[in-house]
Amino acid sequence: MTTQTVTVEDAQARLAELLNLAQAGNEIIIAEGGQPLARLVAIAESKPKRRIAGLHRGKIWMSDDFDMPLPLFQKITS
């Protein structure tokens, strides 16, 4: 991966070329007056991770009374 710095004017004139460079894995810094303003990089594709059934078997438990009704609280009035 290489990094290339270009001016705003140069980026406007060469946008298609710079996008191709970014897609190829390069980083483009867009600067104005010697100060960096933006960084152009490709968006990494994120594939959903494959889920594995039973991976954490035995790590999670639920109490036997999980689905029992909660006790009613008496309202205290003074």
N, C-alpha and C. Protein backbone atom coordinates (compact mmCIF):
# COMPACT_ATOMS: atom_id res chain seq x y z
N MET A 1 0.84 -1.18 0.00
CA MET A 1 0.00 0.00 0.00
C MET A 1 0.88 1.23 0.00
N THR A 2 0.61 2.12 -0.92
CA THR A 2 1.36 3.36 -0.97
C THR A 2 0.43 4.52 -0.65
N THR A 3 1.03 5.62 -0.21
CA THR A 3 0.27 6.82 0.10
C THR A 3 0.70 7.90 -0.86
N GLN A 4 -0.28 8.57 -1.42
CA GLN A 4 -0.01 9.65 -2.38
C GLN A 4 -0.78 10.87 -1.91
N THR A 5 -0.13 12.04 -1.92
CA THR A 5 -0.78 13.28 -1.53
C THR A 5 -1.03 14.11 -2.78
N VAL A 6 -2.26 14.60 -2.91
CA VAL A 6 -2.62 15.43 -4.06
C VAL A 6 -3.34 16.67 -3.55
N THR A 7 -3.35 17.70 -4.36
CA THR A 7 -4.08 18.92 -4.01
C THR A 7 -5.56 18.74 -4.36
N VAL A 8 -6.38 19.65 -3.84
CA VAL A 8 -7.81 19.59 -4.11
C VAL A 8 -8.07 19.72 -5.60
N GLU A 9 -7.38 20.64 -6.23
CA GLU A 9 -7.55 20.84 -7.67
C GLU A 9 -7.14 19.60 -8.46
N ASP A 10 -6.04 18.99 -8.07
CA ASP A 10 -5.56 17.79 -8.74
C ASP A 10 -6.55 16.64 -8.53
N ALA A 11 -7.12 16.55 -7.32
CA ALA A 11 -8.09 15.49 -7.03
C ALA A 11 -9.35 15.67 -7.87
N GLN A 12 -9.79 16.91 -8.08
CA GLN A 12 -10.96 17.16 -8.91
C GLN A 12 -10.71 16.76 -10.35
N ALA A 13 -9.51 17.03 -10.84
CA ALA A 13 -9.18 16.74 -12.23
C ALA A 13 -8.96 15.24 -12.46
N ARG A 14 -8.48 14.52 -11.44
CA ARG A 14 -8.11 13.11 -11.61
C ARG A 14 -8.93 12.16 -10.75
N LEU A 15 -10.17 12.51 -10.44
CA LEU A 15 -10.97 11.73 -9.50
C LEU A 15 -11.09 10.26 -9.92
N ALA A 16 -11.41 9.99 -11.15
CA ALA A 16 -11.57 8.60 -11.60
C ALA A 16 -10.28 7.81 -11.41
N GLU A 17 -9.16 8.41 -11.75
CA GLU A 17 -7.87 7.74 -11.58
C GLU A 17 -7.56 7.49 -10.10
N LEU A 18 -7.85 8.47 -9.26
CA LEU A 18 -7.59 8.32 -7.83
C LEU A 18 -8.48 7.26 -7.21
N LEU A 19 -9.73 7.16 -7.67
CA LEU A 19 -10.62 6.11 -7.18
C LEU A 19 -10.09 4.73 -7.55
N ASN A 20 -9.57 4.59 -8.76
CA ASN A 20 -8.98 3.32 -9.17
C ASN A 20 -7.77 2.96 -8.31
N LEU A 21 -6.95 3.97 -7.98
CA LEU A 21 -5.79 3.74 -7.11
C LEU A 21 -6.24 3.30 -5.72
N ALA A 22 -7.29 3.94 -5.21
CA ALA A 22 -7.79 3.58 -3.88
C ALA A 22 -8.34 2.15 -3.90
N GLN A 23 -9.07 1.78 -4.95
CA GLN A 23 -9.59 0.42 -5.04
C GLN A 23 -8.48 -0.61 -5.12
N ALA A 24 -7.34 -0.21 -5.63
CA ALA A 24 -6.19 -1.13 -5.73
C ALA A 24 -5.45 -1.24 -4.40
N GLY A 25 -5.90 -0.51 -3.37
CA GLY A 25 -5.28 -0.63 -2.05
C GLY A 25 -4.41 0.53 -1.65
N ASN A 26 -4.36 1.57 -2.45
CA ASN A 26 -3.55 2.73 -2.12
C ASN A 26 -4.35 3.73 -1.28
N GLU A 27 -3.64 4.61 -0.61
CA GLU A 27 -4.26 5.65 0.20
C GLU A 27 -3.95 6.99 -0.45
N ILE A 28 -4.97 7.81 -0.65
CA ILE A 28 -4.80 9.12 -1.27
C ILE A 28 -5.14 10.17 -0.23
N ILE A 29 -4.22 11.07 0.03
CA ILE A 29 -4.44 12.19 0.94
C ILE A 29 -4.72 13.42 0.10
N ILE A 30 -5.84 14.07 0.34
CA ILE A 30 -6.20 15.30 -0.38
C ILE A 30 -5.87 16.46 0.54
N ALA A 31 -5.03 17.37 0.05
CA ALA A 31 -4.54 18.47 0.87
C ALA A 31 -4.79 19.81 0.19
N GLU A 32 -4.86 20.83 1.01
CA GLU A 32 -4.99 22.19 0.49
C GLU A 32 -4.06 23.09 1.31
N GLY A 33 -3.19 23.79 0.63
CA GLY A 33 -2.23 24.64 1.31
C GLY A 33 -1.28 23.86 2.20
N GLY A 34 -0.98 22.64 1.84
CA GLY A 34 -0.06 21.81 2.62
C GLY A 34 -0.71 21.12 3.81
N GLN A 35 -1.98 21.40 4.07
CA GLN A 35 -2.70 20.79 5.19
C GLN A 35 -3.62 19.67 4.69
N PRO A 36 -3.49 18.46 5.22
CA PRO A 36 -4.37 17.37 4.79
C PRO A 36 -5.83 17.66 5.17
N LEU A 37 -6.73 17.41 4.22
CA LEU A 37 -8.16 17.63 4.44
C LEU A 37 -8.94 16.32 4.50
N ALA A 38 -8.56 15.38 3.67
CA ALA A 38 -9.33 14.14 3.58
C ALA A 38 -8.42 13.00 3.17
N ARG A 39 -8.90 11.80 3.45
CA ARG A 39 -8.17 10.59 3.06
C ARG A 39 -9.11 9.73 2.24
N LEU A 40 -8.64 9.31 1.09
CA LEU A 40 -9.44 8.47 0.19
C LEU A 40 -8.88 7.06 0.24
N VAL A 41 -9.71 6.13 0.75
CA VAL A 41 -9.33 4.71 0.82
C VAL A 41 -10.52 3.88 0.37
N ALA A 42 -10.26 2.67 -0.06
CA ALA A 42 -11.33 1.78 -0.48
C ALA A 42 -12.08 1.26 0.73
N ILE A 43 -13.35 0.98 0.55
CA ILE A 43 -14.15 0.38 1.61
C ILE A 43 -13.93 -1.12 1.56
N ALA A 44 -13.52 -1.66 2.70
CA ALA A 44 -13.28 -3.10 2.77
C ALA A 44 -14.61 -3.83 2.81
N GLU A 45 -14.73 -4.86 2.01
CA GLU A 45 -15.95 -5.66 2.02
C GLU A 45 -15.97 -6.50 3.29
N SER A 46 -17.08 -6.45 3.98
CA SER A 46 -17.20 -7.28 5.18
C SER A 46 -18.28 -8.31 4.94
N LYS A 47 -17.86 -9.54 4.92
CA LYS A 47 -18.80 -10.64 4.75
C LYS A 47 -19.27 -11.06 6.13
N PRO A 48 -20.54 -11.38 6.26
CA PRO A 48 -21.01 -11.83 7.57
C PRO A 48 -20.27 -13.09 8.01
N LYS A 49 -19.90 -13.11 9.27
CA LYS A 49 -19.20 -14.28 9.78
C LYS A 49 -20.17 -15.45 9.88
N ARG A 50 -19.67 -16.59 9.56
CA ARG A 50 -20.48 -17.79 9.60
C ARG A 50 -20.70 -18.20 11.06
N ARG A 51 -21.95 -18.43 11.40
CA ARG A 51 -22.29 -18.83 12.76
C ARG A 51 -22.16 -20.34 12.91
N ILE A 52 -21.66 -20.74 14.06
CA ILE A 52 -21.46 -22.16 14.32
C ILE A 52 -22.38 -22.58 15.45
N ALA A 53 -23.31 -23.47 15.15
CA ALA A 53 -24.26 -23.94 16.16
C ALA A 53 -23.53 -24.73 17.24
N GLY A 54 -23.86 -24.45 18.49
CA GLY A 54 -23.28 -25.20 19.60
C GLY A 54 -21.89 -24.76 19.99
N LEU A 55 -21.41 -23.65 19.48
CA LEU A 55 -20.04 -23.19 19.75
C LEU A 55 -19.82 -22.92 21.24
N HIS A 56 -20.81 -22.36 21.92
CA HIS A 56 -20.66 -22.01 23.34
C HIS A 56 -21.52 -22.90 24.24
N ARG A 57 -21.67 -24.13 23.83
CA ARG A 57 -22.49 -25.07 24.60
C ARG A 57 -21.94 -25.18 26.02
N GLY A 58 -22.84 -25.05 27.00
CA GLY A 58 -22.44 -25.16 28.40
C GLY A 58 -21.96 -23.86 29.02
N LYS A 59 -21.79 -22.81 28.25
CA LYS A 59 -21.30 -21.53 28.78
C LYS A 59 -22.44 -20.66 29.27
N ILE A 60 -23.63 -20.90 28.79
CA ILE A 60 -24.78 -20.09 29.15
C ILE A 60 -25.79 -21.00 29.85
N TRP A 61 -26.39 -20.51 30.91
CA TRP A 61 -27.39 -21.31 31.61
C TRP A 61 -28.57 -20.42 31.97
N MET A 62 -29.67 -21.06 32.26
CA MET A 62 -30.88 -20.36 32.63
C MET A 62 -31.46 -21.06 33.86
N SER A 63 -31.88 -20.29 34.84
CA SER A 63 -32.41 -20.91 36.06
C SER A 63 -33.71 -21.66 35.76
N ASP A 64 -34.02 -22.63 36.60
CA ASP A 64 -35.21 -23.45 36.38
C ASP A 64 -36.50 -22.65 36.48
N ASP A 65 -36.50 -21.58 37.27
CA ASP A 65 -37.71 -20.79 37.44
C ASP A 65 -37.74 -19.55 36.54
N PHE A 66 -37.02 -19.59 35.47
CA PHE A 66 -36.92 -18.44 34.55
C PHE A 66 -38.29 -17.95 34.08
N ASP A 67 -39.16 -18.86 33.74
CA ASP A 67 -40.45 -18.47 33.17
C ASP A 67 -41.59 -18.42 34.19
N MET A 68 -41.26 -18.47 35.47
CA MET A 68 -42.28 -18.37 36.51
C MET A 68 -42.72 -16.92 36.66
N PRO A 69 -44.00 -16.70 37.02
CA PRO A 69 -44.46 -15.33 37.21
C PRO A 69 -43.69 -14.64 38.33
N LEU A 70 -43.48 -13.36 38.17
CA LEU A 70 -42.79 -12.58 39.19
C LEU A 70 -43.72 -12.37 40.37
N PRO A 71 -43.17 -12.26 41.58
CA PRO A 71 -44.02 -12.03 42.74
C PRO A 71 -44.64 -10.63 42.67
N LEU A 72 -45.86 -10.54 43.17
CA LEU A 72 -46.53 -9.24 43.20
C LEU A 72 -46.08 -8.48 44.43
N PHE A 73 -45.80 -7.22 44.27
CA PHE A 73 -45.40 -6.39 45.38
C PHE A 73 -46.62 -5.64 45.91
N GLN A 74 -46.68 -5.55 47.21
CA GLN A 74 -47.79 -4.82 47.82
C GLN A 74 -47.48 -3.35 47.78
N LYS A 75 -48.46 -2.57 47.43
CA LYS A 75 -48.29 -1.14 47.38
C LYS A 75 -48.35 -0.59 48.80
N ILE A 76 -47.37 0.14 49.19
CA ILE A 76 -47.31 0.71 50.53
C ILE A 76 -47.93 2.12 50.47
N THR A 77 -48.96 2.31 51.25
CA THR A 77 -49.60 3.62 51.31
C THR A 77 -49.49 4.17 52.71
N SER A 78 -49.35 5.43 52.80
CA SER A 78 -49.23 6.02 54.14
C SER A 78 -50.44 6.84 54.49
